[in-house]
């Protein structure tokens, strides 16, 4: 879909009732489904974070930016994710966290981004984070400047690929809670997008499909 056409749908997108957990469950490993229950995480006193789902035009094709994280000693090493990270005391709110983090990680300034709406928060048990996703728009193709300390690669996911059900499959993965399990995932250019990122993408996909009807 062309970006000029996509932005015409924004008034409809913001009015869609979010599918929330029903969409998250479609891309949740079986072992993670219990953690999607309301207030499951409260006893764990989770840390809070925010991510930005940024849409922009690439030669007028609507794209969404993802990042591949560097390898490091941690549960999210080398995974595909949205730009984002931990909330800091100086952040005004979670949208401010997402804007600060996307600047720090891929070099897109807050003045370039229109925050459209929040999506449903999601708890990540392995790292004990509660994540607040936001959808944003950049009116021109950004000049990405990835932070080499955190970002291994920029992934530009076309909207038409996200909406294509053929992008979804099951793969065997080694996880923090199992040596090898089958997990639902989005596949794009040999990148395996699974876990919380896939669950957030699932809600985004379902919301957009509803708005496009």
C-alpha atoms as a PDB file:
ATOM      1  CA  UNK A   1       0.000   0.000   0.000  1.00  0.00           C
ATOM      2  CA  UNK A   2       1.273   3.441  -0.869  1.00  0.00           C
ATOM      3  CA  UNK A   3       1.988   5.682   2.118  1.00  0.00           C
ATOM      4  CA  UNK A   4      -0.191   8.449   0.699  1.00  0.00           C
ATOM      5  CA  UNK A   5      -3.083   5.967   0.745  1.00  0.00           C
ATOM      6  CA  UNK A   6      -2.181   4.531   4.154  1.00  0.00           C
ATOM      7  CA  UNK A   7      -2.350   7.856   5.982  1.00  0.00           C
ATOM      8  CA  UNK A   8      -5.914   8.352   4.753  1.00  0.00           C
ATOM      9  CA  UNK A   9      -6.900   5.422   6.982  1.00  0.00           C
ATOM     10  CA  UNK A  10      -5.482   6.929  10.185  1.00  0.00           C
ATOM     11  CA  UNK A  11      -8.865   8.352  11.345  1.00  0.00           C
ATOM     12  CA  UNK A  12     -10.361   4.853  10.975  1.00  0.00           C
ATOM     13  CA  UNK A  13      -7.414   3.117  12.633  1.00  0.00           C
ATOM     14  CA  UNK A  14      -7.649   5.197  15.808  1.00  0.00           C
ATOM     15  CA  UNK A  15     -11.330   4.290  16.162  1.00  0.00           C
ATOM     16  CA  UNK A  16     -10.834   0.518  15.924  1.00  0.00           C
ATOM     17  CA  UNK A  17     -11.426  -1.390  19.154  1.00  0.00           C
ATOM     18  CA  UNK A  18      -8.111  -3.069  19.875  1.00  0.00           C
ATOM     19  CA  UNK A  19      -8.257  -6.884  19.756  1.00  0.00           C
ATOM     20  CA  UNK A  20      -5.791  -7.022  22.667  1.00  0.00           C
ATOM     21  CA  UNK A  21      -5.177 -10.495  24.116  1.00  0.00           C
ATOM     22  CA  UNK A  22      -7.157 -12.284  21.390  1.00  0.00           C
ATOM     23  CA  UNK A  23      -4.596 -11.028  18.856  1.00  0.00           C
ATOM     24  CA  UNK A  24      -1.624 -11.645  21.160  1.00  0.00           C
ATOM     25  CA  UNK A  25      -2.675 -15.272  21.615  1.00  0.00           C
ATOM     26  CA  UNK A  26      -2.440 -15.938  17.878  1.00  0.00           C
ATOM     27  CA  UNK A  27       1.330 -15.482  18.025  1.00  0.00           C
ATOM     28  CA  UNK A  28       2.000 -16.618  21.597  1.00  0.00           C
ATOM     29  CA  UNK A  29       3.932 -19.825  22.309  1.00  0.00           C
ATOM     30  CA  UNK A  30       1.777 -22.221  24.336  1.00  0.00           C
ATOM     31  CA  UNK A  31       4.094 -21.756  27.314  1.00  0.00           C
ATOM     32  CA  UNK A  32       3.453 -18.008  27.282  1.00  0.00           C
ATOM     33  CA  UNK A  33      -0.325 -18.009  27.075  1.00  0.00           C
ATOM     34  CA  UNK A  34      -0.949 -17.991  30.827  1.00  0.00           C
ATOM     35  CA  UNK A  35       1.146 -14.818  31.175  1.00  0.00           C
ATOM     36  CA  UNK A  36      -1.347 -12.951  28.972  1.00  0.00           C
ATOM     37  CA  UNK A  37      -4.050 -13.194  31.616  1.00  0.00           C
ATOM     38  CA  UNK A  38      -5.010  -9.775  33.073  1.00  0.00           C
ATOM     39  CA  UNK A  39      -2.861  -8.797  36.059  1.00  0.00           C
ATOM     40  CA  UNK A  40      -0.752 -11.973  35.782  1.00  0.00           C
ATOM     41  CA  UNK A  41       2.353  -9.853  36.190  1.00  0.00           C
ATOM     42  CA  UNK A  42       1.372  -7.710  39.194  1.00  0.00           C
ATOM     43  CA  UNK A  43       2.999  -9.937  41.800  1.00  0.00           C
ATOM     44  CA  UNK A  44       6.281  -9.771  39.887  1.00  0.00           C
ATOM     45  CA  UNK A  45       6.678  -5.976  40.124  1.00  0.00           C
ATOM     46  CA  UNK A  46       7.779  -5.737  36.470  1.00  0.00           C
ATOM     47  CA  UNK A  47       9.985  -3.048  35.015  1.00  0.00           C
ATOM     48  CA  UNK A  48       8.237  -0.835  32.468  1.00  0.00           C
ATOM     49  CA  UNK A  49       9.266  -0.070  28.913  1.00  0.00           C
ATOM     50  CA  UNK A  50       7.858   1.250  25.647  1.00  0.00           C
ATOM     51  CA  UNK A  51       8.366   0.557  21.949  1.00  0.00           C
ATOM     52  CA  UNK A  52       7.582   2.512  18.792  1.00  0.00           C
ATOM     53  CA  UNK A  53       5.862   0.911  15.778  1.00  0.00           C
ATOM     54  CA  UNK A  54       6.967   3.493  13.231  1.00  0.00           C
ATOM     55  CA  UNK A  55       5.432   3.614   9.753  1.00  0.00           C
ATOM     56  CA  UNK A  56       7.047   5.670   6.996  1.00  0.00           C
ATOM     57  CA  UNK A  57       7.295   5.819   3.190  1.00  0.00           C
ATOM     58  CA  UNK A  58      10.079   4.098   1.280  1.00  0.00           C
ATOM     59  CA  UNK A  59       9.626   5.280  -2.295  1.00  0.00           C
ATOM     60  CA  UNK A  60       5.983   5.762  -1.190  1.00  0.00           C
ATOM     61  CA  UNK A  61       5.668   2.113  -0.133  1.00  0.00           C
ATOM     62  CA  UNK A  62       4.450   1.934   3.473  1.00  0.00           C
ATOM     63  CA  UNK A  63       7.063   0.294   5.699  1.00  0.00           C
ATOM     64  CA  UNK A  64       7.512  -0.461   9.398  1.00  0.00           C
ATOM     65  CA  UNK A  65      10.919  -0.371  11.059  1.00  0.00           C
ATOM     66  CA  UNK A  66      12.228  -3.238  13.180  1.00  0.00           C
ATOM     67  CA  UNK A  67      15.706  -3.852  14.528  1.00  0.00           C
ATOM     68  CA  UNK A  68      17.871  -6.894  15.076  1.00  0.00           C
ATOM     69  CA  UNK A  69      19.565  -6.585  18.431  1.00  0.00           C
ATOM     70  CA  UNK A  70      23.233  -7.353  18.981  1.00  0.00           C
ATOM     71  CA  UNK A  71      24.303 -10.601  20.587  1.00  0.00           C
ATOM     72  CA  UNK A  72      24.853 -10.231  24.317  1.00  0.00           C
ATOM     73  CA  UNK A  73      24.480 -12.294  27.526  1.00  0.00           C
ATOM     74  CA  UNK A  74      20.724 -11.943  27.962  1.00  0.00           C
ATOM     75  CA  UNK A  75      17.333 -13.429  27.103  1.00  0.00           C
ATOM     76  CA  UNK A  76      16.717 -11.108  24.124  1.00  0.00           C
ATOM     77  CA  UNK A  77      20.124 -11.505  22.506  1.00  0.00           C
ATOM     78  CA  UNK A  78      20.068 -11.213  18.671  1.00  0.00           C
ATOM     79  CA  UNK A  79      16.272 -11.066  18.582  1.00  0.00           C
ATOM     80  CA  UNK A  80      14.119  -8.966  16.258  1.00  0.00           C
ATOM     81  CA  UNK A  81      12.252  -6.190  18.059  1.00  0.00           C
ATOM     82  CA  UNK A  82      10.807  -2.723  17.724  1.00  0.00           C
ATOM     83  CA  UNK A  83      12.977   0.236  18.682  1.00  0.00           C
ATOM     84  CA  UNK A  84      12.326   0.760  22.361  1.00  0.00           C
ATOM     85  CA  UNK A  85      13.505   0.188  25.879  1.00  0.00           C
ATOM     86  CA  UNK A  86      13.218   0.832  29.582  1.00  0.00           C
ATOM     87  CA  UNK A  87      11.306   3.813  30.943  1.00  0.00           C
ATOM     88  CA  UNK A  88      13.497   6.363  32.721  1.00  0.00           C
ATOM     89  CA  UNK A  89      12.472   8.762  35.528  1.00  0.00           C
ATOM     90  CA  UNK A  90      12.888  11.789  33.259  1.00  0.00           C
ATOM     91  CA  UNK A  91      10.368  10.467  30.693  1.00  0.00           C
ATOM     92  CA  UNK A  92       7.058  12.357  30.816  1.00  0.00           C
ATOM     93  CA  UNK A  93       5.047   9.249  29.915  1.00  0.00           C
ATOM     94  CA  UNK A  94       5.436   5.985  28.020  1.00  0.00           C
ATOM     95  CA  UNK A  95       5.021   7.685  24.644  1.00  0.00           C
ATOM     96  CA  UNK A  96       7.958   9.886  25.640  1.00  0.00           C
ATOM     97  CA  UNK A  97       9.931   6.727  26.481  1.00  0.00           C
ATOM     98  CA  UNK A  98       9.229   5.294  23.023  1.00  0.00           C
ATOM     99  CA  UNK A  99      10.258   8.552  21.327  1.00  0.00           C
ATOM    100  CA  UNK A 100      13.485   8.796  23.324  1.00  0.00           C
ATOM    101  CA  UNK A 101      14.384   5.179  22.649  1.00  0.00           C
ATOM    102  CA  UNK A 102      13.805   5.294  18.893  1.00  0.00           C
ATOM    103  CA  UNK A 103      16.077   8.331  18.739  1.00  0.00           C
ATOM    104  CA  UNK A 104      18.774   6.606  20.775  1.00  0.00           C
ATOM    105  CA  UNK A 105      18.597   3.306  18.876  1.00  0.00           C
ATOM    106  CA  UNK A 106      18.006   4.265  15.231  1.00  0.00           C
ATOM    107  CA  UNK A 107      18.430   8.049  15.110  1.00  0.00           C
ATOM    108  CA  UNK A 108      14.873   9.138  14.254  1.00  0.00           C
ATOM    109  CA  UNK A 109      14.132  12.359  16.163  1.00  0.00           C
ATOM    110  CA  UNK A 110      10.916  12.989  18.065  1.00  0.00           C
ATOM    111  CA  UNK A 111      10.251  16.048  15.903  1.00  0.00           C
ATOM    112  CA  UNK A 112       9.967  13.690  12.904  1.00  0.00           C
ATOM    113  CA  UNK A 113       7.335  11.436  14.503  1.00  0.00           C
ATOM    114  CA  UNK A 114       3.609  11.841  14.993  1.00  0.00           C
ATOM    115  CA  UNK A 115       2.454   9.486  17.752  1.00  0.00           C
ATOM    116  CA  UNK A 116      -0.868   8.118  16.507  1.00  0.00           C
ATOM    117  CA  UNK A 117      -2.103   5.887  19.355  1.00  0.00           C
ATOM    118  CA  UNK A 118      -1.146   3.418  22.069  1.00  0.00           C
ATOM    119  CA  UNK A 119      -1.692  -0.317  21.700  1.00  0.00           C
ATOM    120  CA  UNK A 120      -2.290  -2.961  24.352  1.00  0.00           C
ATOM    121  CA  UNK A 121       0.471  -3.403  26.916  1.00  0.00           C
ATOM    122  CA  UNK A 122       2.086  -6.840  27.088  1.00  0.00           C
ATOM    123  CA  UNK A 123       4.086  -8.622  29.775  1.00  0.00           C
ATOM    124  CA  UNK A 124       7.364 -10.402  28.931  1.00  0.00           C
ATOM    125  CA  UNK A 125       8.082 -13.045  31.610  1.00  0.00           C
ATOM    126  CA  UNK A 126      11.713 -13.921  30.720  1.00  0.00           C
ATOM    127  CA  UNK A 127      12.900 -10.337  31.278  1.00  0.00           C
ATOM    128  CA  UNK A 128      10.074  -9.259  33.629  1.00  0.00           C
ATOM    129  CA  UNK A 129       9.179  -6.226  31.512  1.00  0.00           C
ATOM    130  CA  UNK A 130       5.752  -4.699  30.948  1.00  0.00           C
ATOM    131  CA  UNK A 131       5.846  -3.180  27.448  1.00  0.00           C
ATOM    132  CA  UNK A 132       3.710  -0.295  26.182  1.00  0.00           C
ATOM    133  CA  UNK A 133       3.579  -0.191  22.349  1.00  0.00           C
ATOM    134  CA  UNK A 134       2.810   2.973  20.361  1.00  0.00           C
ATOM    135  CA  UNK A 135       2.065   3.460  16.691  1.00  0.00           C
ATOM    136  CA  UNK A 136       3.798   6.402  15.048  1.00  0.00           C
ATOM    137  CA  UNK A 137       4.136   8.020  11.630  1.00  0.00           C
ATOM    138  CA  UNK A 138       7.098   9.639   9.929  1.00  0.00           C
ATOM    139  CA  UNK A 139       6.080  11.639   6.871  1.00  0.00           C
ATOM    140  CA  UNK A 140       9.287  10.966   4.957  1.00  0.00           C
ATOM    141  CA  UNK A 141      11.768   8.131   4.675  1.00  0.00           C
ATOM    142  CA  UNK A 142      13.980   8.396   7.766  1.00  0.00           C
ATOM    143  CA  UNK A 143      17.746   8.417   7.628  1.00  0.00           C
ATOM    144  CA  UNK A 144      18.380   5.601  10.060  1.00  0.00           C
ATOM    145  CA  UNK A 145      21.489   5.878  12.219  1.00  0.00           C
ATOM    146  CA  UNK A 146      21.641   2.640  14.219  1.00  0.00           C
ATOM    147  CA  UNK A 147      23.423   2.649  17.562  1.00  0.00           C
ATOM    148  CA  UNK A 148      26.224   0.081  17.072  1.00  0.00           C
ATOM    149  CA  UNK A 149      26.181  -0.754  20.777  1.00  0.00           C
ATOM    150  CA  UNK A 150      22.595  -2.028  20.585  1.00  0.00           C
ATOM    151  CA  UNK A 151      21.554  -2.556  16.971  1.00  0.00           C
ATOM    152  CA  UNK A 152      22.977  -5.172  14.626  1.00  0.00           C
ATOM    153  CA  UNK A 153      20.697  -4.366  11.659  1.00  0.00           C
ATOM    154  CA  UNK A 154      17.721  -2.291  10.525  1.00  0.00           C
ATOM    155  CA  UNK A 155      14.807  -4.281   9.085  1.00  0.00           C
ATOM    156  CA  UNK A 156      12.307  -2.441   6.892  1.00  0.00           C
ATOM    157  CA  UNK A 157       9.100  -4.500   6.848  1.00  0.00           C
ATOM    158  CA  UNK A 158       6.660  -3.567   4.064  1.00  0.00           C
ATOM    159  CA  UNK A 159       3.047  -3.220   5.206  1.00  0.00           C
ATOM    160  CA  UNK A 160       1.878  -5.627   2.496  1.00  0.00           C
ATOM    161  CA  UNK A 161       4.188  -8.304   3.925  1.00  0.00           C
ATOM    162  CA  UNK A 162       2.832  -7.796   7.446  1.00  0.00           C
ATOM    163  CA  UNK A 163      -0.747  -8.150   6.192  1.00  0.00           C
ATOM    164  CA  UNK A 164       0.020 -11.304   4.182  1.00  0.00           C
ATOM    165  CA  UNK A 165      -1.026 -14.387   6.191  1.00  0.00           C
ATOM    166  CA  UNK A 166       1.578 -16.418   4.290  1.00  0.00           C
ATOM    167  CA  UNK A 167       4.225 -14.556   6.308  1.00  0.00           C
ATOM    168  CA  UNK A 168       3.126 -16.453   9.448  1.00  0.00           C
ATOM    169  CA  UNK A 169       4.455 -19.933  10.181  1.00  0.00           C
ATOM    170  CA  UNK A 170       5.757 -22.088  13.045  1.00  0.00           C
ATOM    171  CA  UNK A 171       9.442 -22.574  13.762  1.00  0.00           C
ATOM    172  CA  UNK A 172      11.457 -24.520  16.304  1.00  0.00           C
ATOM    173  CA  UNK A 173      13.329 -22.235  18.667  1.00  0.00           C
ATOM    174  CA  UNK A 174      15.536 -22.495  21.709  1.00  0.00           C
ATOM    175  CA  UNK A 175      13.992 -20.223  24.352  1.00  0.00           C
ATOM    176  CA  UNK A 176      14.637 -19.134  27.921  1.00  0.00           C
ATOM    177  CA  UNK A 177      12.079 -21.687  29.127  1.00  0.00           C
ATOM    178  CA  UNK A 178      12.652 -24.634  26.775  1.00  0.00           C
ATOM    179  CA  UNK A 179      15.559 -26.141  24.836  1.00  0.00           C
ATOM    180  CA  UNK A 180      13.433 -26.555  21.709  1.00  0.00           C
ATOM    181  CA  UNK A 181       9.781 -25.670  21.167  1.00  0.00           C
ATOM    182  CA  UNK A 182       7.563 -24.794  18.229  1.00  0.00           C
ATOM    183  CA  UNK A 183       6.593 -21.128  18.222  1.00  0.00           C
ATOM    184  CA  UNK A 184       4.447 -19.035  15.858  1.00  0.00           C
ATOM    185  CA  UNK A 185       6.490 -16.465  13.960  1.00  0.00           C
ATOM    186  CA  UNK A 186       6.512 -13.950  11.135  1.00  0.00           C
ATOM    187  CA  UNK A 187       9.208 -14.705   8.543  1.00  0.00           C
ATOM    188  CA  UNK A 188      10.692 -11.901   6.459  1.00  0.00           C
ATOM    189  CA  UNK A 189      13.921 -12.168   4.481  1.00  0.00           C
ATOM    190  CA  UNK A 190      15.076 -15.069   6.678  1.00  0.00           C
ATOM    191  CA  UNK A 191      14.404 -13.009   9.808  1.00  0.00           C
ATOM    192  CA  UNK A 192      12.373 -14.873  12.429  1.00  0.00           C
ATOM    193  CA  UNK A 193      10.100 -12.500  14.350  1.00  0.00           C
ATOM    194  CA  UNK A 194       8.604 -14.234  17.370  1.00  0.00           C
ATOM    195  CA  UNK A 195       7.783 -13.762  21.039  1.00  0.00           C
ATOM    196  CA  UNK A 196       6.497 -10.427  22.294  1.00  0.00           C
ATOM    197  CA  UNK A 197       7.365  -8.624  19.055  1.00  0.00           C
ATOM    198  CA  UNK A 198       5.258 -11.083  17.062  1.00  0.00           C
ATOM    199  CA  UNK A 199       2.398 -10.740  19.542  1.00  0.00           C
ATOM    200  CA  UNK A 200       2.468  -6.938  19.276  1.00  0.00           C
ATOM    201  CA  UNK A 201       2.658  -7.218  15.476  1.00  0.00           C
ATOM    202  CA  UNK A 202      -0.371  -9.504  15.565  1.00  0.00           C
ATOM    203  CA  UNK A 203      -2.484  -6.862  17.305  1.00  0.00           C
ATOM    204  CA  UNK A 204      -1.224  -4.220  14.889  1.00  0.00           C
ATOM    205  CA  UNK A 205      -2.050  -6.460  11.906  1.00  0.00           C
ATOM    206  CA  UNK A 206      -5.562  -7.260  13.126  1.00  0.00           C
ATOM    207  CA  UNK A 207      -6.258  -3.588  13.881  1.00  0.00           C
ATOM    208  CA  UNK A 208      -5.124  -2.462  10.442  1.00  0.00           C
ATOM    209  CA  UNK A 209      -7.090  -5.186   8.674  1.00  0.00           C
ATOM    210  CA  UNK A 210     -10.236  -4.065  10.489  1.00  0.00           C
ATOM    211  CA  UNK A 211      -9.644  -0.444   9.496  1.00  0.00           C
ATOM    212  CA  UNK A 212      -8.979  -1.379   5.859  1.00  0.00           C
ATOM    213  CA  UNK A 213     -12.301  -3.207   5.407  1.00  0.00           C
END
